[in-house]
């Protein structure tokens, strides 16, 4: 497995990876209509838009297939806060340490290293993973926001 920065030609594969997670994994915790809306939203163009505003990484397997992705960007333009976004692993690769590798890459990024606080909008599906990676619930409160996400954070 190799972690590298996202390239524009990765957009279609990353979009497909994210969309599969919505329909195969997150669907267990969220209504079908919400997952369908996210499926439609996360087109290759949306992935390119995210990557234009964030530092995006991909994980590739031995055959150069993209099996994971994640992004980090400034939290609302802050120099001291960052946010992790769009962290997904192909469903058939779950449990192989790829999510951990993505988090490690994001936590080695300059946008993480300059931040005092890093936030993650975590799905119901992913919050236990982020807890294992050292993130806690924002303000110590475990509650879903209006988007159906837990706001999690880590301080440095």
C-alpha atoms as a PDB file:
ATOM      1  CA  UNK A   1       0.000   0.000   0.000  1.00  0.00           C
ATOM      2  CA  UNK A   2       1.196   3.484  -0.836  1.00  0.00           C
ATOM      3  CA  UNK A   3      -0.131   6.872   0.327  1.00  0.00           C
ATOM      4  CA  UNK A   4       0.228   9.785  -2.083  1.00  0.00           C
ATOM      5  CA  UNK A   5      -1.316  13.141  -2.846  1.00  0.00           C
ATOM      6  CA  UNK A   6      -4.453  13.193  -4.967  1.00  0.00           C
ATOM      7  CA  UNK A   7      -4.126  13.953  -8.699  1.00  0.00           C
ATOM      8  CA  UNK A   8      -6.929  15.277 -10.904  1.00  0.00           C
ATOM      9  CA  UNK A   9      -7.066  12.004 -12.818  1.00  0.00           C
ATOM     10  CA  UNK A  10      -8.000  10.255  -9.537  1.00  0.00           C
ATOM     11  CA  UNK A  11     -11.369  12.043  -9.304  1.00  0.00           C
ATOM     12  CA  UNK A  12     -13.482   9.345 -10.971  1.00  0.00           C
ATOM     13  CA  UNK A  13     -12.014   6.521  -8.860  1.00  0.00           C
ATOM     14  CA  UNK A  14     -12.298   8.536  -5.629  1.00  0.00           C
ATOM     15  CA  UNK A  15     -15.892   9.469  -6.437  1.00  0.00           C
ATOM     16  CA  UNK A  16     -16.759   5.799  -7.024  1.00  0.00           C
ATOM     17  CA  UNK A  17     -15.056   4.801  -3.747  1.00  0.00           C
ATOM     18  CA  UNK A  18     -16.949   7.434  -1.726  1.00  0.00           C
ATOM     19  CA  UNK A  19     -20.255   6.599  -3.407  1.00  0.00           C
ATOM     20  CA  UNK A  20     -19.838   2.884  -2.698  1.00  0.00           C
ATOM     21  CA  UNK A  21     -19.361   3.646   0.993  1.00  0.00           C
ATOM     22  CA  UNK A  22     -22.571   5.646   1.123  1.00  0.00           C
ATOM     23  CA  UNK A  23     -24.587   2.861  -0.490  1.00  0.00           C
ATOM     24  CA  UNK A  24     -22.866  -0.184   1.055  1.00  0.00           C
ATOM     25  CA  UNK A  25     -21.639   0.957   4.479  1.00  0.00           C
ATOM     26  CA  UNK A  26     -23.256   4.177   5.706  1.00  0.00           C
ATOM     27  CA  UNK A  27     -26.659   2.944   4.512  1.00  0.00           C
ATOM     28  CA  UNK A  28     -26.712   0.755   7.639  1.00  0.00           C
ATOM     29  CA  UNK A  29     -26.977   3.874   9.819  1.00  0.00           C
ATOM     30  CA  UNK A  30     -28.775   6.393   7.601  1.00  0.00           C
ATOM     31  CA  UNK A  31     -31.965   6.523   5.527  1.00  0.00           C
ATOM     32  CA  UNK A  32     -31.760   5.473   1.889  1.00  0.00           C
ATOM     33  CA  UNK A  33     -32.940   8.888   0.659  1.00  0.00           C
ATOM     34  CA  UNK A  34     -30.039  10.614   2.478  1.00  0.00           C
ATOM     35  CA  UNK A  35     -27.483   8.192   1.049  1.00  0.00           C
ATOM     36  CA  UNK A  36     -28.913   8.603  -2.445  1.00  0.00           C
ATOM     37  CA  UNK A  37     -28.611  12.389  -2.134  1.00  0.00           C
ATOM     38  CA  UNK A  38     -24.975  12.073  -1.034  1.00  0.00           C
ATOM     39  CA  UNK A  39     -24.344   9.562  -3.814  1.00  0.00           C
ATOM     40  CA  UNK A  40     -25.550  12.128  -6.344  1.00  0.00           C
ATOM     41  CA  UNK A  41     -23.591  14.964  -4.717  1.00  0.00           C
ATOM     42  CA  UNK A  42     -20.204  13.221  -4.642  1.00  0.00           C
ATOM     43  CA  UNK A  43     -19.531  13.281  -8.373  1.00  0.00           C
ATOM     44  CA  UNK A  44     -15.996  13.454  -9.771  1.00  0.00           C
ATOM     45  CA  UNK A  45     -16.554  17.219 -10.068  1.00  0.00           C
ATOM     46  CA  UNK A  46     -17.331  17.440  -6.329  1.00  0.00           C
ATOM     47  CA  UNK A  47     -14.159  15.494  -5.554  1.00  0.00           C
ATOM     48  CA  UNK A  48     -12.143  17.918  -7.704  1.00  0.00           C
ATOM     49  CA  UNK A  49     -13.774  20.825  -5.882  1.00  0.00           C
ATOM     50  CA  UNK A  50     -12.825  19.380  -2.481  1.00  0.00           C
ATOM     51  CA  UNK A  51      -9.268  18.694  -3.659  1.00  0.00           C
ATOM     52  CA  UNK A  52      -8.931  22.262  -4.958  1.00  0.00           C
ATOM     53  CA  UNK A  53      -9.574  23.574  -1.436  1.00  0.00           C
ATOM     54  CA  UNK A  54      -7.899  20.857   0.631  1.00  0.00           C
ATOM     55  CA  UNK A  55      -4.861  18.626   0.786  1.00  0.00           C
ATOM     56  CA  UNK A  56      -6.282  15.325  -0.424  1.00  0.00           C
ATOM     57  CA  UNK A  57      -4.536  11.965  -0.210  1.00  0.00           C
ATOM     58  CA  UNK A  58      -5.207   8.558  -1.695  1.00  0.00           C
ATOM     59  CA  UNK A  59      -4.024   5.078  -0.744  1.00  0.00           C
ATOM     60  CA  UNK A  60      -3.255   2.696  -3.585  1.00  0.00           C
ATOM     61  CA  UNK A  61      -2.790  -1.059  -3.506  1.00  0.00           C
ATOM     62  CA  UNK A  62      -0.020  -2.962  -5.259  1.00  0.00           C
ATOM     63  CA  UNK A  63      -1.878  -2.663  -8.568  1.00  0.00           C
ATOM     64  CA  UNK A  64      -2.220   1.132  -8.203  1.00  0.00           C
ATOM     65  CA  UNK A  65      -5.968   0.818  -7.502  1.00  0.00           C
ATOM     66  CA  UNK A  66      -7.213   3.594  -5.216  1.00  0.00           C
ATOM     67  CA  UNK A  67      -8.501   1.908  -2.058  1.00  0.00           C
ATOM     68  CA  UNK A  68      -8.767   4.863   0.331  1.00  0.00           C
ATOM     69  CA  UNK A  69      -8.916   8.640   0.490  1.00  0.00           C
ATOM     70  CA  UNK A  70      -8.991  11.543   2.920  1.00  0.00           C
ATOM     71  CA  UNK A  71      -8.616  15.319   2.973  1.00  0.00           C
ATOM     72  CA  UNK A  72      -7.573  18.068   5.360  1.00  0.00           C
ATOM     73  CA  UNK A  73      -8.240  21.764   5.054  1.00  0.00           C
ATOM     74  CA  UNK A  74      -8.327  24.868   7.190  1.00  0.00           C
ATOM     75  CA  UNK A  75     -11.413  25.146   9.404  1.00  0.00           C
ATOM     76  CA  UNK A  76     -13.219  28.201   8.034  1.00  0.00           C
ATOM     77  CA  UNK A  77      -9.898  29.874   7.083  1.00  0.00           C
ATOM     78  CA  UNK A  78      -8.348  29.476  10.536  1.00  0.00           C
ATOM     79  CA  UNK A  79      -4.583  29.218  10.945  1.00  0.00           C
ATOM     80  CA  UNK A  80      -4.993  27.305  14.226  1.00  0.00           C
ATOM     81  CA  UNK A  81      -7.840  24.917  13.377  1.00  0.00           C
ATOM     82  CA  UNK A  82      -8.170  22.336  10.617  1.00  0.00           C
ATOM     83  CA  UNK A  83     -10.835  19.848   9.592  1.00  0.00           C
ATOM     84  CA  UNK A  84     -10.567  16.316   8.209  1.00  0.00           C
ATOM     85  CA  UNK A  85     -13.004  15.479   5.426  1.00  0.00           C
ATOM     86  CA  UNK A  86     -14.085  12.739   3.039  1.00  0.00           C
ATOM     87  CA  UNK A  87     -12.230   9.870   4.702  1.00  0.00           C
ATOM     88  CA  UNK A  88     -13.258   6.586   3.102  1.00  0.00           C
ATOM     89  CA  UNK A  89     -11.855   3.120   2.375  1.00  0.00           C
ATOM     90  CA  UNK A  90     -13.225   0.670  -0.191  1.00  0.00           C
ATOM     91  CA  UNK A  91     -15.621  -1.639   1.672  1.00  0.00           C
ATOM     92  CA  UNK A  92     -13.700  -4.801   0.800  1.00  0.00           C
ATOM     93  CA  UNK A  93     -10.529  -3.214   2.272  1.00  0.00           C
ATOM     94  CA  UNK A  94     -12.050  -2.299   5.661  1.00  0.00           C
ATOM     95  CA  UNK A  95     -10.146  -3.700   8.628  1.00  0.00           C
ATOM     96  CA  UNK A  96      -6.754  -3.730   6.883  1.00  0.00           C
ATOM     97  CA  UNK A  97      -5.276  -0.605   8.502  1.00  0.00           C
ATOM     98  CA  UNK A  98      -5.907   1.647   5.507  1.00  0.00           C
ATOM     99  CA  UNK A  99      -8.013   4.115   7.500  1.00  0.00           C
ATOM    100  CA  UNK A 100      -5.187   4.349  10.022  1.00  0.00           C
ATOM    101  CA  UNK A 101      -2.719   5.054   7.204  1.00  0.00           C
ATOM    102  CA  UNK A 102      -4.967   7.823   5.877  1.00  0.00           C
ATOM    103  CA  UNK A 103      -5.226   9.434   9.323  1.00  0.00           C
ATOM    104  CA  UNK A 104      -1.450   9.184   9.753  1.00  0.00           C
ATOM    105  CA  UNK A 105      -0.913  10.916   6.393  1.00  0.00           C
ATOM    106  CA  UNK A 106      -3.393  13.654   7.272  1.00  0.00           C
ATOM    107  CA  UNK A 107      -1.815  14.096  10.702  1.00  0.00           C
ATOM    108  CA  UNK A 108       1.586  14.495   9.034  1.00  0.00           C
ATOM    109  CA  UNK A 109       0.291  17.237   6.753  1.00  0.00           C
ATOM    110  CA  UNK A 110       1.305  20.854   7.342  1.00  0.00           C
ATOM    111  CA  UNK A 111      -2.357  21.856   7.856  1.00  0.00           C
ATOM    112  CA  UNK A 112      -2.564  19.418  10.766  1.00  0.00           C
ATOM    113  CA  UNK A 113       0.830  20.292  12.209  1.00  0.00           C
ATOM    114  CA  UNK A 114       0.080  24.023  12.371  1.00  0.00           C
ATOM    115  CA  UNK A 115      -3.335  23.509  13.983  1.00  0.00           C
ATOM    116  CA  UNK A 116      -4.086  23.454  17.692  1.00  0.00           C
ATOM    117  CA  UNK A 117      -7.495  21.860  17.130  1.00  0.00           C
ATOM    118  CA  UNK A 118      -8.601  19.437  14.422  1.00  0.00           C
ATOM    119  CA  UNK A 119     -12.262  18.630  13.844  1.00  0.00           C
ATOM    120  CA  UNK A 120     -13.895  15.698  12.073  1.00  0.00           C
ATOM    121  CA  UNK A 121     -17.559  15.561  11.072  1.00  0.00           C
ATOM    122  CA  UNK A 122     -17.938  11.828  11.773  1.00  0.00           C
ATOM    123  CA  UNK A 123     -20.667   9.539  10.535  1.00  0.00           C
ATOM    124  CA  UNK A 124     -22.377   7.206  12.983  1.00  0.00           C
ATOM    125  CA  UNK A 125     -20.541   4.449  11.147  1.00  0.00           C
ATOM    126  CA  UNK A 126     -17.057   5.936  11.672  1.00  0.00           C
ATOM    127  CA  UNK A 127     -17.095   7.505  15.140  1.00  0.00           C
ATOM    128  CA  UNK A 128     -15.667   4.430  16.913  1.00  0.00           C
ATOM    129  CA  UNK A 129     -12.743   4.393  14.471  1.00  0.00           C
ATOM    130  CA  UNK A 130     -11.988   8.056  15.175  1.00  0.00           C
ATOM    131  CA  UNK A 131     -12.136   7.411  18.919  1.00  0.00           C
ATOM    132  CA  UNK A 132      -9.433   4.762  18.423  1.00  0.00           C
ATOM    133  CA  UNK A 133      -7.403   7.394  16.565  1.00  0.00           C
ATOM    134  CA  UNK A 134      -7.517   9.727  19.571  1.00  0.00           C
ATOM    135  CA  UNK A 135     -10.455  11.974  18.664  1.00  0.00           C
ATOM    136  CA  UNK A 136     -13.120  12.840  21.207  1.00  0.00           C
ATOM    137  CA  UNK A 137     -16.577  14.322  20.945  1.00  0.00           C
ATOM    138  CA  UNK A 138     -16.578  18.101  20.551  1.00  0.00           C
ATOM    139  CA  UNK A 139     -17.074  19.707  23.938  1.00  0.00           C
ATOM    140  CA  UNK A 140     -17.326  16.217  25.427  1.00  0.00           C
ATOM    141  CA  UNK A 141     -20.861  15.900  24.078  1.00  0.00           C
ATOM    142  CA  UNK A 142     -21.843  12.887  21.982  1.00  0.00           C
ATOM    143  CA  UNK A 143     -24.797  14.140  19.978  1.00  0.00           C
ATOM    144  CA  UNK A 144     -25.702  14.140  16.316  1.00  0.00           C
ATOM    145  CA  UNK A 145     -25.858  17.491  14.553  1.00  0.00           C
ATOM    146  CA  UNK A 146     -28.449  18.580  11.971  1.00  0.00           C
ATOM    147  CA  UNK A 147     -26.535  16.651   9.274  1.00  0.00           C
ATOM    148  CA  UNK A 148     -26.651  13.421  11.282  1.00  0.00           C
ATOM    149  CA  UNK A 149     -22.944  13.620  12.120  1.00  0.00           C
ATOM    150  CA  UNK A 150     -20.960  13.603  15.328  1.00  0.00           C
ATOM    151  CA  UNK A 151     -18.548  16.508  15.671  1.00  0.00           C
ATOM    152  CA  UNK A 152     -15.282  15.087  16.928  1.00  0.00           C
ATOM    153  CA  UNK A 153     -12.019  16.847  17.690  1.00  0.00           C
ATOM    154  CA  UNK A 154      -8.427  16.443  18.746  1.00  0.00           C
ATOM    155  CA  UNK A 155      -6.217  19.034  20.403  1.00  0.00           C
ATOM    156  CA  UNK A 156      -2.479  19.309  19.886  1.00  0.00           C
END
